[in-house]
């Protein structure tokens, strides 16, 4: 019953569900502007807003709840379960399913260039609800989150609103060392990857078998999209015209490396990476103009976005 991400770059049907909900329970949520967009349009129909957080400073900081609970999430939820009877809100769930059909997470591809979603669909097809996926920061993070389609929770890791570019690559090593029997994918952009690429030496030295996917659009894609969409295409300091040759970089560190810009190569490349007993660096030259959608325009609220859609 999970509904994808909510907020600024959330799925349309998810935002509709939040805007039409009469009860909303927020658990461990900072209520930052990436989720709420404009505060005056967040969950406008809610009658009972509950906020559960272990940190009392987070409660009421941005969104003022009707009920606040300072507690560990697991403890609070276990207590709540004893207070409710099982019930299926058939009409409400049917409405959400209808919104899901009307406003699906999708992408358009008519230009013949490799799309990031095509790469991620091939990767997730090989995850089998078992692999742990780490995402960096930027468009790669949002794409990886939107196309995450597991039946199990807790297997997608990212730095969230902290926005620490370069997080995914070193973090993936820690995840693999802690879970040696699991497949670990690191999804990153070329901008974030080069911020901690020196850790390739650590990965190779210790043969930490992470499979790294670099979605290479030769730009700081999220900022580039904002400049294109909201600042009339005036670009500043976002085009990375001198990105490394990642195959040569992998060779220099003694790490298996591959690259492609063709969809028909993506599946075989991933299979070769999974068959290799050790770390692998894969660079996918994607459409440089691929963007993240849907998106709530800057200055607008979630309600504006929902009403317009």
Protein backbone atom coordinates (compact mmCIF):
# COMPACT_ATOMS: atom_id res chain seq x y z
CA UNK A 1 0.00 0.00 0.00
CA UNK A 2 3.03 2.30 -0.26
CA UNK A 3 2.37 5.35 -2.41
CA UNK A 4 5.74 6.65 -3.62
CA UNK A 5 7.26 9.98 -2.64
CA UNK A 6 5.19 12.98 -1.62
CA UNK A 7 5.79 16.69 -2.08
CA UNK A 8 7.95 18.82 -4.34
CA UNK A 9 8.95 15.94 -6.63
CA UNK A 10 6.37 13.43 -5.46
CA UNK A 11 4.09 11.33 -7.60
CA UNK A 12 0.88 13.02 -8.69
CA UNK A 13 -1.37 10.38 -7.15
CA UNK A 14 0.52 10.57 -3.85
CA UNK A 15 0.12 14.33 -3.62
CA UNK A 16 -3.58 13.96 -4.41
CA UNK A 17 -3.91 11.45 -1.58
CA UNK A 18 -2.25 13.80 0.91
CA UNK A 19 -4.34 16.77 -0.25
CA UNK A 20 -7.58 14.81 0.16
CA UNK A 21 -6.80 12.88 3.35
CA UNK A 22 -8.81 13.65 6.50
CA UNK A 23 -6.30 11.97 8.84
CA UNK A 24 -2.55 12.21 8.40
CA UNK A 25 0.00 10.56 10.71
CA UNK A 26 3.54 11.86 10.20
CA UNK A 27 6.24 9.60 11.66
CA UNK A 28 9.84 10.77 11.92
CA UNK A 29 9.13 13.55 9.44
CA UNK A 30 10.88 16.92 9.42
CA UNK A 31 8.08 18.61 7.46
CA UNK A 32 10.67 20.35 5.31
CA UNK A 33 9.64 22.30 2.22
CA UNK A 34 10.57 19.42 -0.11
CA UNK A 35 7.62 17.52 1.36
CA UNK A 36 5.18 20.26 2.30
CA UNK A 37 5.90 22.76 -0.52
CA UNK A 38 4.02 25.88 0.61
CA UNK A 39 2.76 25.33 4.12
CA UNK A 40 -0.61 26.93 3.40
CA UNK A 41 -1.40 24.23 0.82
CA UNK A 42 -0.14 21.16 2.67
CA UNK A 43 -2.86 18.61 3.53
CA UNK A 44 -5.66 21.22 3.30
CA UNK A 45 -8.50 18.81 4.12
CA UNK A 46 -6.90 17.12 7.10
CA UNK A 47 -9.05 17.07 10.24
CA UNK A 48 -6.63 15.19 12.48
CA UNK A 49 -2.89 15.70 12.04
CA UNK A 50 -0.68 13.49 14.21
CA UNK A 51 3.09 13.91 14.45
CA UNK A 52 5.27 11.22 16.05
CA UNK A 53 8.97 11.95 16.49
CA UNK A 54 11.71 11.04 18.93
CA UNK A 55 13.03 14.63 18.74
CA UNK A 56 10.62 17.11 20.37
CA UNK A 57 12.25 20.00 18.48
CA UNK A 58 10.84 18.65 15.20
CA UNK A 59 7.22 18.68 16.35
CA UNK A 60 5.48 21.92 15.45
CA UNK A 61 8.62 23.42 13.94
CA UNK A 62 6.99 23.84 10.54
CA UNK A 63 3.58 22.14 10.59
CA UNK A 64 1.60 22.37 13.82
CA UNK A 65 -0.13 19.04 14.57
CA UNK A 66 -3.39 18.44 16.39
CA UNK A 67 -1.77 15.59 18.30
CA UNK A 68 1.94 15.32 19.08
CA UNK A 69 3.70 12.23 20.38
CA UNK A 70 7.34 12.33 21.45
CA UNK A 71 8.45 8.72 21.22
CA UNK A 72 10.50 6.18 19.37
CA UNK A 73 8.57 5.31 16.20
CA UNK A 74 8.55 1.56 16.87
CA UNK A 75 7.27 2.03 20.41
CA UNK A 76 4.54 4.44 19.34
CA UNK A 77 3.32 2.28 16.46
CA UNK A 78 3.20 -0.85 18.59
CA UNK A 79 1.00 1.01 21.09
CA UNK A 80 -1.24 2.37 18.31
CA UNK A 81 -1.82 -1.08 16.85
CA UNK A 82 -3.51 -2.20 20.07
CA UNK A 83 -6.01 0.69 19.79
CA UNK A 84 -7.39 0.02 16.31
CA UNK A 85 -9.35 -2.73 14.65
CA UNK A 86 -8.33 -4.03 11.20
CA UNK A 87 -10.34 -2.23 8.53
CA UNK A 88 -10.02 -1.85 4.78
CA UNK A 89 -11.08 1.57 3.50
CA UNK A 90 -12.24 0.18 0.19
CA UNK A 91 -13.68 3.40 -1.23
CA UNK A 92 -10.58 5.43 -0.33
CA UNK A 93 -8.14 2.86 -1.69
CA UNK A 94 -10.15 2.56 -4.89
CA UNK A 95 -9.96 6.35 -5.28
CA UNK A 96 -6.18 6.25 -4.85
CA UNK A 97 -5.91 3.49 -7.45
CA UNK A 98 -7.90 5.67 -9.84
CA UNK A 99 -5.54 8.60 -9.25
CA UNK A 100 -2.61 6.23 -9.79
CA UNK A 101 -3.98 5.35 -13.23
CA UNK A 102 -4.67 8.99 -14.09
CA UNK A 103 -1.34 10.34 -12.84
CA UNK A 104 1.24 7.54 -13.07
CA UNK A 105 4.98 7.90 -12.65
CA UNK A 106 6.20 7.77 -16.22
CA UNK A 107 8.63 9.21 -18.71
CA UNK A 108 8.57 9.96 -22.41
CA UNK A 109 11.32 8.81 -24.73
CA UNK A 110 11.11 9.70 -28.37
CA UNK A 111 14.59 11.04 -29.09
CA UNK A 112 16.59 7.81 -29.39
CA UNK A 113 18.91 8.70 -26.48
CA UNK A 114 19.41 6.50 -23.44
CA UNK A 115 17.03 7.53 -20.65
CA UNK A 116 17.99 7.19 -16.97
CA UNK A 117 14.73 5.43 -16.20
CA UNK A 118 15.57 2.75 -18.77
CA UNK A 119 18.83 2.05 -16.93
CA UNK A 120 17.09 1.91 -13.55
CA UNK A 121 14.31 -0.35 -14.80
CA UNK A 122 16.95 -2.86 -15.92
CA UNK A 123 18.74 -2.56 -12.58
CA UNK A 124 15.59 -3.01 -10.49
CA UNK A 125 14.59 -6.00 -12.62
CA UNK A 126 17.72 -7.67 -11.24
CA UNK A 127 17.17 -6.67 -7.60
CA UNK A 128 14.51 -9.30 -6.79
CA UNK A 129 13.40 -7.46 -3.62
CA UNK A 130 16.79 -8.43 -2.19
CA UNK A 131 19.44 -5.99 -3.37
CA UNK A 132 20.21 -2.84 -1.39
CA UNK A 133 20.21 0.33 -3.49
CA UNK A 134 21.97 3.51 -2.44
CA UNK A 135 21.35 6.77 -4.27
CA UNK A 136 23.46 9.91 -4.24
CA UNK A 137 22.09 13.45 -4.61
CA UNK A 138 20.43 15.15 -7.54
CA UNK A 139 18.33 13.85 -10.39
CA UNK A 140 19.82 10.36 -9.99
CA UNK A 141 18.43 10.26 -6.45
CA UNK A 142 14.90 11.21 -7.48
CA UNK A 143 14.85 8.85 -10.46
CA UNK A 144 16.11 6.00 -8.28
CA UNK A 145 13.44 6.74 -5.66
CA UNK A 146 10.56 7.11 -8.11
CA UNK A 147 11.37 3.86 -9.90
CA UNK A 148 11.99 1.89 -6.69
CA UNK A 149 9.30 -0.80 -6.77
CA UNK A 150 10.09 -3.27 -4.01
CA UNK A 151 7.64 -5.36 -2.04
CA UNK A 152 9.88 -4.95 1.03
CA UNK A 153 10.93 -1.79 2.90
CA UNK A 154 14.33 -0.68 4.17
CA UNK A 155 16.41 -1.53 1.10
CA UNK A 156 16.70 1.97 -0.41
CA UNK A 157 19.19 4.31 1.26
CA UNK A 158 19.94 7.95 0.49
CA UNK A 159 20.91 11.12 2.33
CA UNK A 160 17.46 12.65 1.86
CA UNK A 161 17.13 16.36 2.46
CA UNK A 162 20.68 16.54 3.80
CA UNK A 163 21.75 16.67 0.16
CA UNK A 164 25.30 15.39 0.64
CA UNK A 165 26.73 14.91 -2.85
CA UNK A 166 29.23 12.07 -2.86
CA UNK A 167 27.37 10.15 -0.14
CA UNK A 168 26.40 7.02 -2.06
CA UNK A 169 29.80 5.66 -3.11
CA UNK A 170 31.54 5.43 0.30
CA UNK A 171 28.24 4.58 2.02
CA UNK A 172 27.76 1.65 -0.36
CA UNK A 173 31.04 0.17 0.84
CA UNK A 174 29.83 0.21 4.43
CA UNK A 175 26.53 -1.36 3.39
CA UNK A 176 28.26 -4.14 1.47
CA UNK A 177 30.64 -4.91 4.35
CA UNK A 178 27.65 -5.09 6.71
CA UNK A 179 25.66 -7.23 4.22
CA UNK A 180 28.22 -9.37 2.39
CA UNK A 181 25.61 -11.80 1.07
CA UNK A 182 23.43 -9.12 -0.51
CA UNK A 183 23.81 -7.41 -3.87
CA UNK A 184 24.55 -3.70 -3.41
CA UNK A 185 23.97 -1.13 -6.14
CA UNK A 186 25.30 2.42 -5.91
CA UNK A 187 23.38 4.88 -8.11
CA UNK A 188 25.12 8.21 -8.59
CA UNK A 189 25.69 11.04 -11.00
CA UNK A 190 29.06 11.97 -12.41
CA UNK A 191 29.07 15.18 -10.34
CA UNK A 192 28.57 13.39 -7.03
CA UNK A 193 30.80 10.44 -7.88
CA UNK A 194 33.94 12.51 -8.45
CA UNK A 195 33.56 14.10 -5.01
CA UNK A 196 34.61 10.82 -3.37
CA UNK A 197 36.12 8.85 -6.24
CA UNK A 198 39.37 8.46 -4.28
CA UNK A 199 37.55 5.73 -2.36
CA UNK A 200 37.94 3.54 -5.44
CA UNK A 201 41.32 2.65 -3.97
CA UNK A 202 39.63 1.46 -0.76
CA UNK A 203 37.02 -0.50 -2.69
CA UNK A 204 39.56 -2.25 -4.90
CA UNK A 205 42.07 -2.85 -2.09
CA UNK A 206 39.41 -4.63 -0.04
CA UNK A 207 37.54 -6.16 -3.01
CA UNK A 208 34.22 -4.71 -1.87
CA UNK A 209 31.88 -5.97 -4.56
CA UNK A 210 29.59 -2.96 -5.01
CA UNK A 211 28.10 -2.41 -8.46
CA UNK A 212 28.27 1.31 -9.26
CA UNK A 213 25.97 2.94 -11.82
CA UNK A 214 26.99 6.43 -12.92
CA UNK A 215 24.13 8.20 -14.71
CA UNK A 216 26.29 10.55 -16.75
CA UNK A 217 24.51 13.56 -18.24
CA UNK A 218 27.60 15.80 -18.14
CA UNK A 219 25.94 18.36 -15.92
CA UNK A 220 24.82 19.06 -12.39
CA UNK A 221 21.43 17.94 -13.57
CA UNK A 222 19.11 19.07 -10.80
CA UNK A 223 20.42 22.63 -10.79
CA UNK A 224 20.50 22.61 -14.60
CA UNK A 225 16.83 21.60 -14.67
CA UNK A 226 15.89 24.38 -12.24
CA UNK A 227 17.74 26.92 -14.34
CA UNK A 228 16.08 25.67 -17.52
CA UNK A 229 12.58 25.39 -16.07
CA UNK A 230 12.42 28.33 -13.67
CA UNK A 231 15.11 30.80 -14.77
CA UNK A 232 14.41 30.99 -18.51
CA UNK A 233 17.27 28.66 -19.39
CA UNK A 234 20.00 30.96 -18.10
CA UNK A 235 22.66 28.45 -17.04
CA UNK A 236 25.50 29.07 -14.64
CA UNK A 237 28.14 26.62 -13.40
CA UNK A 238 26.17 23.46 -14.22
CA UNK A 239 27.61 22.11 -17.48
CA UNK A 240 30.44 19.61 -16.84
CA UNK A 241 32.17 19.55 -20.20
CA UNK A 242 35.30 17.80 -18.90
CA UNK A 243 33.97 14.78 -17.01
CA UNK A 244 36.42 11.88 -16.63
CA UNK A 245 36.60 8.90 -18.92
CA UNK A 246 35.25 6.50 -16.32
CA UNK A 247 36.57 3.38 -18.05
CA UNK A 248 40.09 4.81 -17.97
CA UNK A 249 39.53 5.91 -14.39
CA UNK A 250 38.46 2.40 -13.41
CA UNK A 251 41.49 0.93 -15.19
CA UNK A 252 43.74 3.35 -13.33
CA UNK A 253 42.44 2.07 -9.99
CA UNK A 254 42.35 -1.57 -11.09
CA UNK A 255 38.55 -1.67 -11.05
CA UNK A 256 36.46 -3.36 -13.73
CA UNK A 257 34.75 -0.58 -15.71
CA UNK A 258 32.33 -0.41 -18.62
CA UNK A 259 30.39 2.28 -20.47
CA UNK A 260 27.56 2.58 -22.98
CA UNK A 261 25.03 4.98 -24.40
CA UNK A 262 22.79 2.30 -25.94
CA UNK A 263 19.76 0.69 -24.33
CA UNK A 264 20.52 -2.74 -25.80
CA UNK A 265 23.82 -2.79 -23.88
CA UNK A 266 22.36 -1.96 -20.47
CA UNK A 267 21.02 -5.41 -19.53
CA UNK A 268 24.12 -7.35 -20.66
CA UNK A 269 26.37 -4.83 -18.90
CA UNK A 270 24.49 -5.25 -15.62
CA UNK A 271 24.62 -9.04 -15.99
CA UNK A 272 28.37 -8.89 -16.55
CA UNK A 273 28.76 -6.69 -13.49
CA UNK A 274 26.75 -9.08 -11.31
CA UNK A 275 28.77 -12.03 -12.58
CA UNK A 276 32.06 -10.32 -11.66
CA UNK A 277 33.43 -11.17 -8.22
CA UNK A 278 34.43 -7.69 -7.20
CA UNK A 279 33.56 -4.01 -7.58
CA UNK A 280 32.38 -2.73 -10.97
CA UNK A 281 32.06 0.81 -12.29
CA UNK A 282 29.44 1.31 -15.01
CA UNK A 283 29.01 4.64 -16.78
CA UNK A 284 25.79 5.22 -18.69
CA UNK A 285 25.81 8.22 -21.02
CA UNK A 286 22.20 9.32 -20.69
CA UNK A 287 20.11 11.98 -22.41
CA UNK A 288 21.67 15.28 -21.22
CA UNK A 289 18.26 16.94 -21.21
CA UNK A 290 16.43 14.25 -19.22
CA UNK A 291 14.48 15.86 -16.37
CA UNK A 292 12.62 14.85 -13.23
CA UNK A 293 8.84 15.12 -13.51
CA UNK A 294 6.34 15.67 -12.03
CA UNK A 295 7.58 18.71 -10.13
CA UNK A 296 5.81 21.43 -8.18
CA UNK A 297 7.03 24.75 -9.63
CA UNK A 298 9.07 26.97 -7.33
CA UNK A 299 6.84 29.24 -5.28
CA UNK A 300 3.78 27.07 -5.85
CA UNK A 301 2.14 24.75 -3.36
CA UNK A 302 1.09 21.14 -3.50
CA UNK A 303 -2.58 22.15 -3.79
CA UNK A 304 -1.82 24.33 -6.85
CA UNK A 305 -0.08 21.35 -8.45
CA UNK A 306 -2.92 18.94 -7.65
CA UNK A 307 -5.64 21.28 -8.91
CA UNK A 308 -3.72 21.94 -12.14
CA UNK A 309 -3.32 18.21 -12.79
